[in-house]
Amino acid sequence: MNRYILIGLSVLALISLFAFFSDESNADYDYSGIVHDVKQSSNGFLFYLDTGSEDFRCYCSEQPMDLGYYAVRGSFSQDNKIFFVEAIRSLE
């Protein structure tokens, strides 16, 4: 009987961990800051993200609100001129 309780608790622990790490609000983000100068392009949106210590251009398929506070995750282009956003989350 104790063996089945241990197996059941193990399964519940695994399910809980999977649910926690699959929740996007628990994901790590690379930068956070104020979005400004949002412009629509043919395939998405271009904007600047001001982190307080730096300001860089971003591309995202989702439209952020101008002057909104966001966290972003992604990667820079090879020439470091644009940051391609993979995930964006409003922090307001």
PDB file of N, CA and C in Angstrom:
ATOM      1  N   MET A   1       0.819  -1.189   0.000  1.00  0.00           N
ATOM      2  CA  MET A   1       0.000   0.000   0.000  1.00  0.00           C
ATOM      3  C   MET A   1       0.869   1.261   0.000  1.00  0.00           C
ATOM      4  N   ASN A   2       1.944   1.301   0.787  1.00  0.00           N
ATOM      5  CA  ASN A   2       2.827   2.460   0.854  1.00  0.00           C
ATOM      6  C   ASN A   2       3.492   2.743  -0.493  1.00  0.00           C
ATOM      7  N   ARG A   3       3.771   1.699  -1.226  1.00  0.00           N
ATOM      8  CA  ARG A   3       4.398   1.832  -2.539  1.00  0.00           C
ATOM      9  C   ARG A   3       3.472   2.601  -3.482  1.00  0.00           C
ATOM     10  N   TYR A   4       2.164   2.351  -3.452  1.00  0.00           N
ATOM     11  CA  TYR A   4       1.201   3.021  -4.324  1.00  0.00           C
ATOM     12  C   TYR A   4       1.012   4.488  -3.934  1.00  0.00           C
ATOM     13  N   ILE A   5       1.072   4.770  -2.660  1.00  0.00           N
ATOM     14  CA  ILE A   5       0.989   6.162  -2.208  1.00  0.00           C
ATOM     15  C   ILE A   5       2.212   6.936  -2.700  1.00  0.00           C
ATOM     16  N   LEU A   6       3.390   6.352  -2.621  1.00  0.00           N
ATOM     17  CA  LEU A   6       4.616   6.988  -3.089  1.00  0.00           C
ATOM     18  C   LEU A   6       4.567   7.233  -4.595  1.00  0.00           C
ATOM     19  N   ILE A   7       4.090   6.281  -5.348  1.00  0.00           N
ATOM     20  CA  ILE A   7       3.966   6.439  -6.805  1.00  0.00           C
ATOM     21  C   ILE A   7       2.962   7.545  -7.121  1.00  0.00           C
ATOM     22  N   GLY A   8       1.842   7.564  -6.428  1.00  0.00           N
ATOM     23  CA  GLY A   8       0.826   8.592  -6.656  1.00  0.00           C
ATOM     24  C   GLY A   8       1.350   9.994  -6.349  1.00  0.00           C
ATOM     25  N   LEU A   9       2.071  10.132  -5.243  1.00  0.00           N
ATOM     26  CA  LEU A   9       2.648  11.429  -4.890  1.00  0.00           C
ATOM     27  C   LEU A   9       3.711  11.860  -5.901  1.00  0.00           C
ATOM     28  N   SER A  10       4.471  10.917  -6.397  1.00  0.00           N
ATOM     29  CA  SER A  10       5.488  11.224  -7.408  1.00  0.00           C
ATOM     30  C   SER A  10       4.842  11.738  -8.694  1.00  0.00           C
ATOM     31  N   VAL A  11       3.763  11.090  -9.104  1.00  0.00           N
ATOM     32  CA  VAL A  11       3.048  11.515 -10.310  1.00  0.00           C
ATOM     33  C   VAL A  11       2.470  12.916 -10.116  1.00  0.00           C
ATOM     34  N   LEU A  12       1.894  13.176  -8.955  1.00  0.00           N
ATOM     35  CA  LEU A  12       1.355  14.509  -8.673  1.00  0.00           C
ATOM     36  C   LEU A  12       2.455  15.574  -8.675  1.00  0.00           C
ATOM     37  N   ALA A  13       3.610  15.247  -8.151  1.00  0.00           N
ATOM     38  CA  ALA A  13       4.732  16.184  -8.137  1.00  0.00           C
ATOM     39  C   ALA A  13       5.194  16.492  -9.562  1.00  0.00           C
ATOM     40  N   LEU A  14       5.276  15.477 -10.407  1.00  0.00           N
ATOM     41  CA  LEU A  14       5.681  15.687 -11.802  1.00  0.00           C
ATOM     42  C   LEU A  14       4.667  16.549 -12.548  1.00  0.00           C
ATOM     43  N   ILE A  15       3.392  16.292 -12.338  1.00  0.00           N
ATOM     44  CA  ILE A  15       2.349  17.080 -12.988  1.00  0.00           C
ATOM     45  C   ILE A  15       2.417  18.529 -12.520  1.00  0.00           C
ATOM     46  N   SER A  16       2.648  18.745 -11.252  1.00  0.00           N
ATOM     47  CA  SER A  16       2.755  20.108 -10.711  1.00  0.00           C
ATOM     48  C   SER A  16       3.948  20.847 -11.307  1.00  0.00           C
ATOM     49  N   LEU A  17       5.086  20.180 -11.412  1.00  0.00           N
ATOM     50  CA  LEU A  17       6.263  20.804 -12.010  1.00  0.00           C
ATOM     51  C   LEU A  17       6.031  21.143 -13.469  1.00  0.00           C
ATOM     52  N   PHE A  18       5.410  20.244 -14.202  1.00  0.00           N
ATOM     53  CA  PHE A  18       5.114  20.495 -15.616  1.00  0.00           C
ATOM     54  C   PHE A  18       4.180  21.693 -15.756  1.00  0.00           C
ATOM     55  N   ALA A  19       3.154  21.774 -14.937  1.00  0.00           N
ATOM     56  CA  ALA A  19       2.211  22.894 -14.994  1.00  0.00           C
ATOM     57  C   ALA A  19       2.906  24.206 -14.649  1.00  0.00           C
ATOM     58  N   PHE A  20       3.791  24.190 -13.663  1.00  0.00           N
ATOM     59  CA  PHE A  20       4.504  25.406 -13.261  1.00  0.00           C
ATOM     60  C   PHE A  20       5.395  25.917 -14.382  1.00  0.00           C
ATOM     61  N   PHE A  21       6.197  25.048 -14.983  1.00  0.00           N
ATOM     62  CA  PHE A  21       7.150  25.489 -15.989  1.00  0.00           C
ATOM     63  C   PHE A  21       6.527  25.723 -17.352  1.00  0.00           C
ATOM     64  N   SER A  22       5.332  25.222 -17.612  1.00  0.00           N
ATOM     65  CA  SER A  22       4.674  25.498 -18.876  1.00  0.00           C
ATOM     66  C   SER A  22       3.866  26.792 -18.816  1.00  0.00           C
ATOM     67  N   ASP A  23       3.685  27.353 -17.636  1.00  0.00           N
ATOM     68  CA  ASP A  23       2.984  28.627 -17.466  1.00  0.00           C
ATOM     69  C   ASP A  23       3.908  29.756 -17.904  1.00  0.00           C
ATOM     70  N   GLU A  24       3.484  30.549 -18.893  1.00  0.00           N
ATOM     71  CA  GLU A  24       4.338  31.591 -19.448  1.00  0.00           C
ATOM     72  C   GLU A  24       4.685  32.666 -18.429  1.00  0.00           C
ATOM     73  N   SER A  25       3.850  32.866 -17.439  1.00  0.00           N
ATOM     74  CA  SER A  25       4.151  33.897 -16.437  1.00  0.00           C
ATOM     75  C   SER A  25       5.338  33.505 -15.570  1.00  0.00           C
ATOM     76  N   ASN A  26       5.735  32.239 -15.571  1.00  0.00           N
ATOM     77  CA  ASN A  26       6.896  31.792 -14.803  1.00  0.00           C
ATOM     78  C   ASN A  26       8.163  31.719 -15.655  1.00  0.00           C
ATOM     79  N   ALA A  27       8.060  32.052 -16.921  1.00  0.00           N
ATOM     80  CA  ALA A  27       9.210  31.980 -17.819  1.00  0.00           C
ATOM     81  C   ALA A  27      10.152  33.159 -17.566  1.00  0.00           C
ATOM     82  N   ASP A  28      11.401  32.953 -17.852  1.00  0.00           N
ATOM     83  CA  ASP A  28      12.385  34.021 -17.718  1.00  0.00           C
ATOM     84  C   ASP A  28      12.328  34.917 -18.939  1.00  0.00           C
ATOM     85  N   TYR A  29      12.490  36.196 -18.723  1.00  0.00           N
ATOM     86  CA  TYR A  29      12.517  37.165 -19.805  1.00  0.00           C
ATOM     87  C   TYR A  29      13.886  37.824 -19.836  1.00  0.00           C
ATOM     88  N   ASP A  30      14.301  38.241 -21.036  1.00  0.00           N
ATOM     89  CA  ASP A  30      15.631  38.817 -21.213  1.00  0.00           C
ATOM     90  C   ASP A  30      15.706  40.279 -20.795  1.00  0.00           C
ATOM     91  N   TYR A  31      14.674  41.049 -21.122  1.00  0.00           N
ATOM     92  CA  TYR A  31      14.672  42.486 -20.852  1.00  0.00           C
ATOM     93  C   TYR A  31      13.278  42.926 -20.418  1.00  0.00           C
ATOM     94  N   SER A  32      13.232  44.019 -19.690  1.00  0.00           N
ATOM     95  CA  SER A  32      11.952  44.657 -19.376  1.00  0.00           C
ATOM     96  C   SER A  32      12.141  46.149 -19.489  1.00  0.00           C
ATOM     97  N   GLY A  33      11.079  46.837 -19.931  1.00  0.00           N
ATOM     98  CA  GLY A  33      11.177  48.270 -20.074  1.00  0.00           C
ATOM     99  C   GLY A  33       9.936  48.868 -20.689  1.00  0.00           C
ATOM    100  N   ILE A  34      10.048  50.128 -21.048  1.00  0.00           N
ATOM    101  CA  ILE A  34       8.945  50.890 -21.622  1.00  0.00           C
ATOM    102  C   ILE A  34       9.013  50.812 -23.148  1.00  0.00           C
ATOM    103  N   VAL A  35       7.892  50.451 -23.760  1.00  0.00           N
ATOM    104  CA  VAL A  35       7.778  50.379 -25.218  1.00  0.00           C
ATOM    105  C   VAL A  35       7.371  51.760 -25.741  1.00  0.00           C
ATOM    106  N   HIS A  36       8.022  52.192 -26.822  1.00  0.00           N
ATOM    107  CA  HIS A  36       7.644  53.455 -27.450  1.00  0.00           C
ATOM    108  C   HIS A  36       7.868  53.393 -28.949  1.00  0.00           C
ATOM    109  N   ASP A  37       7.262  54.315 -29.662  1.00  0.00           N
ATOM    110  CA  ASP A  37       7.356  54.428 -31.132  1.00  0.00           C
ATOM    111  C   ASP A  37       6.926  53.135 -31.829  1.00  0.00           C
ATOM    112  N   VAL A  38       5.744  52.635 -31.501  1.00  0.00           N
ATOM    113  CA  VAL A  38       5.224  51.404 -32.110  1.00  0.00           C
ATOM    114  C   VAL A  38       4.756  51.716 -33.530  1.00  0.00           C
ATOM    115  N   LYS A  39       5.244  50.938 -34.487  1.00  0.00           N
ATOM    116  CA  LYS A  39       4.848  51.086 -35.893  1.00  0.00           C
ATOM    117  C   LYS A  39       4.518  49.706 -36.457  1.00  0.00           C
ATOM    118  N   GLN A  40       3.484  49.657 -37.282  1.00  0.00           N
ATOM    119  CA  GLN A  40       3.089  48.393 -37.903  1.00  0.00           C
ATOM    120  C   GLN A  40       3.879  48.188 -39.184  1.00  0.00           C
ATOM    121  N   SER A  41       4.392  46.963 -39.361  1.00  0.00           N
ATOM    122  CA  SER A  41       5.061  46.595 -40.604  1.00  0.00           C
ATOM    123  C   SER A  41       4.154  45.607 -41.339  1.00  0.00           C
ATOM    124  N   SER A  42       4.614  45.074 -42.447  1.00  0.00           N
ATOM    125  CA  SER A  42       3.780  44.149 -43.225  1.00  0.00           C
ATOM    126  C   SER A  42       3.528  42.828 -42.493  1.00  0.00           C
ATOM    127  N   ASN A  43       4.449  42.413 -41.616  1.00  0.00           N
ATOM    128  CA  ASN A  43       4.302  41.116 -40.938  1.00  0.00           C
ATOM    129  C   ASN A  43       4.190  41.206 -39.421  1.00  0.00           C
ATOM    130  N   GLY A  44       4.293  42.385 -38.858  1.00  0.00           N
ATOM    131  CA  GLY A  44       4.266  42.503 -37.406  1.00  0.00           C
ATOM    132  C   GLY A  44       4.410  43.947 -36.977  1.00  0.00           C
ATOM    133  N   PHE A  45       5.083  44.148 -35.848  1.00  0.00           N
ATOM    134  CA  PHE A  45       5.217  45.478 -35.274  1.00  0.00           C
ATOM    135  C   PHE A  45       6.662  45.755 -34.900  1.00  0.00           C
ATOM    136  N   LEU A  46       7.104  46.972 -35.180  1.00  0.00           N
ATOM    137  CA  LEU A  46       8.425  47.449 -34.802  1.00  0.00           C
ATOM    138  C   LEU A  46       8.247  48.473 -33.693  1.00  0.00           C
ATOM    139  N   PHE A  47       9.117  48.430 -32.708  1.00  0.00           N
ATOM    140  CA  PHE A  47       9.053  49.383 -31.608  1.00  0.00           C
ATOM    141  C   PHE A  47      10.411  49.467 -30.936  1.00  0.00           C
ATOM    142  N   TYR A  48      10.553  50.444 -30.068  1.00  0.00           N
ATOM    143  CA  TYR A  48      11.763  50.584 -29.265  1.00  0.00           C
ATOM    144  C   TYR A  48      11.444  50.189 -27.831  1.00  0.00           C
ATOM    145  N   LEU A  49      12.379  49.531 -27.186  1.00  0.00           N
ATOM    146  CA  LEU A  49      12.256  49.163 -25.783  1.00  0.00           C
ATOM    147  C   LEU A  49      13.323  49.909 -25.002  1.00  0.00           C
ATOM    148  N   ASP A  50      12.884  50.739 -24.074  1.00  0.00           N
ATOM    149  CA  ASP A  50      13.798  51.509 -23.227  1.00  0.00           C
ATOM    150  C   ASP A  50      13.888  50.816 -21.875  1.00  0.00           C
ATOM    151  N   THR A  51      15.041  50.212 -21.582  1.00  0.00           N
ATOM    152  CA  THR A  51      15.234  49.458 -20.347  1.00  0.00           C
ATOM    153  C   THR A  51      15.750  50.322 -19.200  1.00  0.00           C
ATOM    154  N   GLY A  52      16.024  51.564 -19.484  1.00  0.00           N
ATOM    155  CA  GLY A  52      16.623  52.446 -18.482  1.00  0.00           C
ATOM    156  C   GLY A  52      18.113  52.591 -18.694  1.00  0.00           C
ATOM    157  N   SER A  53      18.775  51.499 -19.061  1.00  0.00           N
ATOM    158  CA  SER A  53      20.216  51.564 -19.326  1.00  0.00           C
ATOM    159  C   SER A  53      20.528  51.504 -20.817  1.00  0.00           C
ATOM    160  N   GLU A  54      19.557  51.050 -21.610  1.00  0.00           N
ATOM    161  CA  GLU A  54      19.744  51.002 -23.059  1.00  0.00           C
ATOM    162  C   GLU A  54      18.386  51.107 -23.753  1.00  0.00           C
ATOM    163  N   ASP A  55      18.429  51.413 -25.031  1.00  0.00           N
ATOM    164  CA  ASP A  55      17.237  51.585 -25.848  1.00  0.00           C
ATOM    165  C   ASP A  55      17.513  50.873 -27.163  1.00  0.00           C
ATOM    166  N   PHE A  56      16.693  49.882 -27.530  1.00  0.00           N
ATOM    167  CA  PHE A  56      16.951  49.155 -28.759  1.00  0.00           C
ATOM    168  C   PHE A  56      15.660  48.847 -29.500  1.00  0.00           C
ATOM    169  N   ARG A  57      15.813  48.618 -30.798  1.00  0.00           N
ATOM    170  CA  ARG A  57      14.684  48.359 -31.693  1.00  0.00           C
ATOM    171  C   ARG A  57      14.291  46.893 -31.624  1.00  0.00           C
ATOM    172  N   CYS A  58      12.977  46.651 -31.637  1.00  0.00           N
ATOM    173  CA  CYS A  58      12.444  45.293 -31.535  1.00  0.00           C
ATOM    174  C   CYS A  58      11.445  45.021 -32.641  1.00  0.00           C
ATOM    175  N   TYR A  59      11.306  43.741 -32.976  1.00  0.00           N
ATOM    176  CA  TYR A  59      10.267  43.273 -33.894  1.00  0.00           C
ATOM    177  C   TYR A  59       9.451  42.213 -33.167  1.00  0.00           C
ATOM    178  N   CYS A  60       8.115  42.310 -33.277  1.00  0.00           N
ATOM    179  CA  CYS A  60       7.230  41.350 -32.622  1.00  0.00           C
ATOM    180  C   CYS A  60       5.991  41.148 -33.486  1.00  0.00           C
ATOM    181  N   SER A  61       5.433  39.942 -33.475  1.00  0.00           N
ATOM    182  CA  SER A  61       4.205  39.680 -34.220  1.00  0.00           C
ATOM    183  C   SER A  61       2.976  40.200 -33.480  1.00  0.00           C
ATOM    184  N   GLU A  62       3.088  40.420 -32.167  1.00  0.00           N
ATOM    185  CA  GLU A  62       1.996  40.968 -31.361  1.00  0.00           C
ATOM    186  C   GLU A  62       2.183  42.469 -31.205  1.00  0.00           C
ATOM    187  N   GLN A  63       1.064  43.199 -31.146  1.00  0.00           N
ATOM    188  CA  GLN A  63       1.144  44.644 -30.984  1.00  0.00           C
ATOM    189  C   GLN A  63       1.192  45.039 -29.511  1.00  0.00           C
ATOM    190  N   PRO A  64       2.283  45.656 -29.076  1.00  0.00           N
ATOM    191  CA  PRO A  64       2.321  46.186 -27.706  1.00  0.00           C
ATOM    192  C   PRO A  64       1.681  47.572 -27.665  1.00  0.00           C
ATOM    193  N   MET A  65       1.263  47.975 -26.494  1.00  0.00           N
ATOM    194  CA  MET A  65       0.703  49.317 -26.303  1.00  0.00           C
ATOM    195  C   MET A  65       1.853  50.315 -26.184  1.00  0.00           C
ATOM    196  N   ASP A  66       1.707  51.440 -26.856  1.00  0.00           N
ATOM    197  CA  ASP A  66       2.714  52.493 -26.772  1.00  0.00           C
ATOM    198  C   ASP A  66       2.790  53.007 -25.334  1.00  0.00           C
ATOM    199  N   LEU A  67       4.002  53.148 -24.825  1.00  0.00           N
ATOM    200  CA  LEU A  67       4.309  53.574 -23.461  1.00  0.00           C
ATOM    201  C   LEU A  67       3.861  52.561 -22.408  1.00  0.00           C
ATOM    202  N   GLY A  68       3.715  51.291 -22.815  1.00  0.00           N
ATOM    203  CA  GLY A  68       3.411  50.217 -21.870  1.00  0.00           C
ATOM    204  C   GLY A  68       4.693  49.638 -21.310  1.00  0.00           C
ATOM    205  N   TYR A  69       4.577  49.007 -20.149  1.00  0.00           N
ATOM    206  CA  TYR A  69       5.725  48.377 -19.489  1.00  0.00           C
ATOM    207  C   TYR A  69       5.663  46.878 -19.773  1.00  0.00           C
ATOM    208  N   TYR A  70       6.689  46.347 -20.461  1.00  0.00           N
ATOM    209  CA  TYR A  70       6.691  44.966 -20.934  1.00  0.00           C
ATOM    210  C   TYR A  70       7.992  44.241 -20.585  1.00  0.00           C
ATOM    211  N   ALA A  71       7.884  42.917 -20.525  1.00  0.00           N
ATOM    212  CA  ALA A  71       9.048  42.033 -20.457  1.00  0.00           C
ATOM    213  C   ALA A  71       9.098  41.281 -21.783  1.00  0.00           C
ATOM    214  N   VAL A  72      10.292  41.111 -22.331  1.00  0.00           N
ATOM    215  CA  VAL A  72      10.451  40.424 -23.613  1.00  0.00           C
ATOM    216  C   VAL A  72      11.535  39.354 -23.517  1.00  0.00           C
ATOM    217  N   ARG A  73      11.364  38.339 -24.340  1.00  0.00           N
ATOM    218  CA  ARG A  73      12.364  37.278 -24.480  1.00  0.00           C
ATOM    219  C   ARG A  73      12.581  37.074 -25.972  1.00  0.00           C
ATOM    220  N   GLY A  74      13.822  36.878 -26.376  1.00  0.00           N
ATOM    221  CA  GLY A  74      14.118  36.678 -27.788  1.00  0.00           C
ATOM    222  C   GLY A  74      15.611  36.719 -28.039  1.00  0.00           C
ATOM    223  N   SER A  75      15.972  37.182 -29.237  1.00  0.00           N
ATOM    224  CA  SER A  75      17.389  37.237 -29.595  1.00  0.00           C
ATOM    225  C   SER A  75      17.635  38.377 -30.575  1.00  0.00           C
ATOM    226  N   PHE A  76      18.871  38.863 -30.565  1.00  0.00           N
ATOM    227  CA  PHE A  76      19.267  39.928 -31.475  1.00  0.00           C
ATOM    228  C   PHE A  76      19.626  39.346 -32.836  1.00  0.00           C
ATOM    229  N   SER A  77      19.490  40.187 -33.861  1.00  0.00           N
ATOM    230  CA  SER A  77      19.928  39.809 -35.203  1.00  0.00           C
ATOM    231  C   SER A  77      21.447  39.685 -35.195  1.00  0.00           C
ATOM    232  N   GLN A  78      22.005  39.142 -36.257  1.00  0.00           N
ATOM    233  CA  GLN A  78      23.457  38.942 -36.304  1.00  0.00           C
ATOM    234  C   GLN A  78      24.232  40.250 -36.206  1.00  0.00           C
ATOM    235  N   ASP A  79      23.653  41.318 -36.741  1.00  0.00           N
ATOM    236  CA  ASP A  79      24.341  42.615 -36.665  1.00  0.00           C
ATOM    237  C   ASP A  79      23.929  43.430 -35.436  1.00  0.00           C
ATOM    238  N   ASN A  80      23.133  42.829 -34.542  1.00  0.00           N
ATOM    239  CA  ASN A  80      22.678  43.455 -33.288  1.00  0.00           C
ATOM    240  C   ASN A  80      21.880  44.742 -33.498  1.00  0.00           C
ATOM    241  N   LYS A  81      21.238  44.897 -34.659  1.00  0.00           N
ATOM    242  CA  LYS A  81      20.467  46.106 -34.922  1.00  0.00           C
ATOM    243  C   LYS A  81      19.004  45.967 -34.515  1.00  0.00           C
ATOM    244  N   ILE A  82      18.514  44.737 -34.393  1.00  0.00           N
ATOM    245  CA  ILE A  82      17.108  44.528 -34.045  1.00  0.00           C
ATOM    246  C   ILE A  82      16.977  43.302 -33.146  1.00  0.00           C
ATOM    247  N   PHE A  83      16.070  43.396 -32.192  1.00  0.00           N
ATOM    248  CA  PHE A  83      15.807  42.305 -31.256  1.00  0.00           C
ATOM    249  C   PHE A  83      14.517  41.627 -31.697  1.00  0.00           C
ATOM    250  N   PHE A  84      14.587  40.338 -32.033  1.00  0.00           N
ATOM    251  CA  PHE A  84      13.417  39.579 -32.456  1.00  0.00           C
ATOM    252  C   PHE A  84      12.742  38.981 -31.225  1.00  0.00           C
ATOM    253  N   VAL A  85      11.548  39.450 -30.931  1.00  0.00           N
ATOM    254  CA  VAL A  85      10.814  39.052 -29.737  1.00  0.00           C
ATOM    255  C   VAL A  85      10.132  37.707 -29.951  1.00  0.00           C
ATOM    256  N   GLU A  86      10.442  36.733 -29.111  1.00  0.00           N
ATOM    257  CA  GLU A  86       9.781  35.425 -29.136  1.00  0.00           C
ATOM    258  C   GLU A  86       8.573  35.405 -28.209  1.00  0.00           C
ATOM    259  N   ALA A  87       8.675  36.119 -27.082  1.00  0.00           N
ATOM    260  CA  ALA A  87       7.575  36.184 -26.111  1.00  0.00           C
ATOM    261  C   ALA A  87       7.556  37.576 -25.502  1.00  0.00           C
ATOM    262  N   ILE A  88       6.353  38.096 -25.307  1.00  0.00           N
ATOM    263  CA  ILE A  88       6.190  39.419 -24.711  1.00  0.00           C
ATOM    264  C   ILE A  88       5.082  39.334 -23.668  1.00  0.00           C
ATOM    265  N   ARG A  89       5.282  40.055 -22.559  1.00  0.00           N
ATOM    266  CA  ARG A  89       4.305  40.005 -21.453  1.00  0.00           C
ATOM    267  C   ARG A  89       4.167  41.407 -20.858  1.00  0.00           C
ATOM    268  N   SER A  90       2.937  41.847 -20.702  1.00  0.00           N
ATOM    269  CA  SER A  90       2.684  43.137 -20.085  1.00  0.00           C
ATOM    270  C   SER A  90       2.941  43.015 -18.583  1.00  0.00           C
ATOM    271  N   LEU A  91       3.641  43.973 -18.018  1.00  0.00           N
ATOM    272  CA  LEU A  91       3.950  43.981 -16.599  1.00  0.00           C
ATOM    273  C   LEU A  91       3.115  45.012 -15.840  1.00  0.00           C
ATOM    274  N   GLU A  92       2.115  45.522 -16.485  1.00  0.00           N
ATOM    275  CA  GLU A  92       1.249  46.528 -15.835  1.00  0.00           C
ATOM    276  C   GLU A  92       0.132  45.873 -15.065  1.00  0.00           C
TER     277      GLU A  92
END
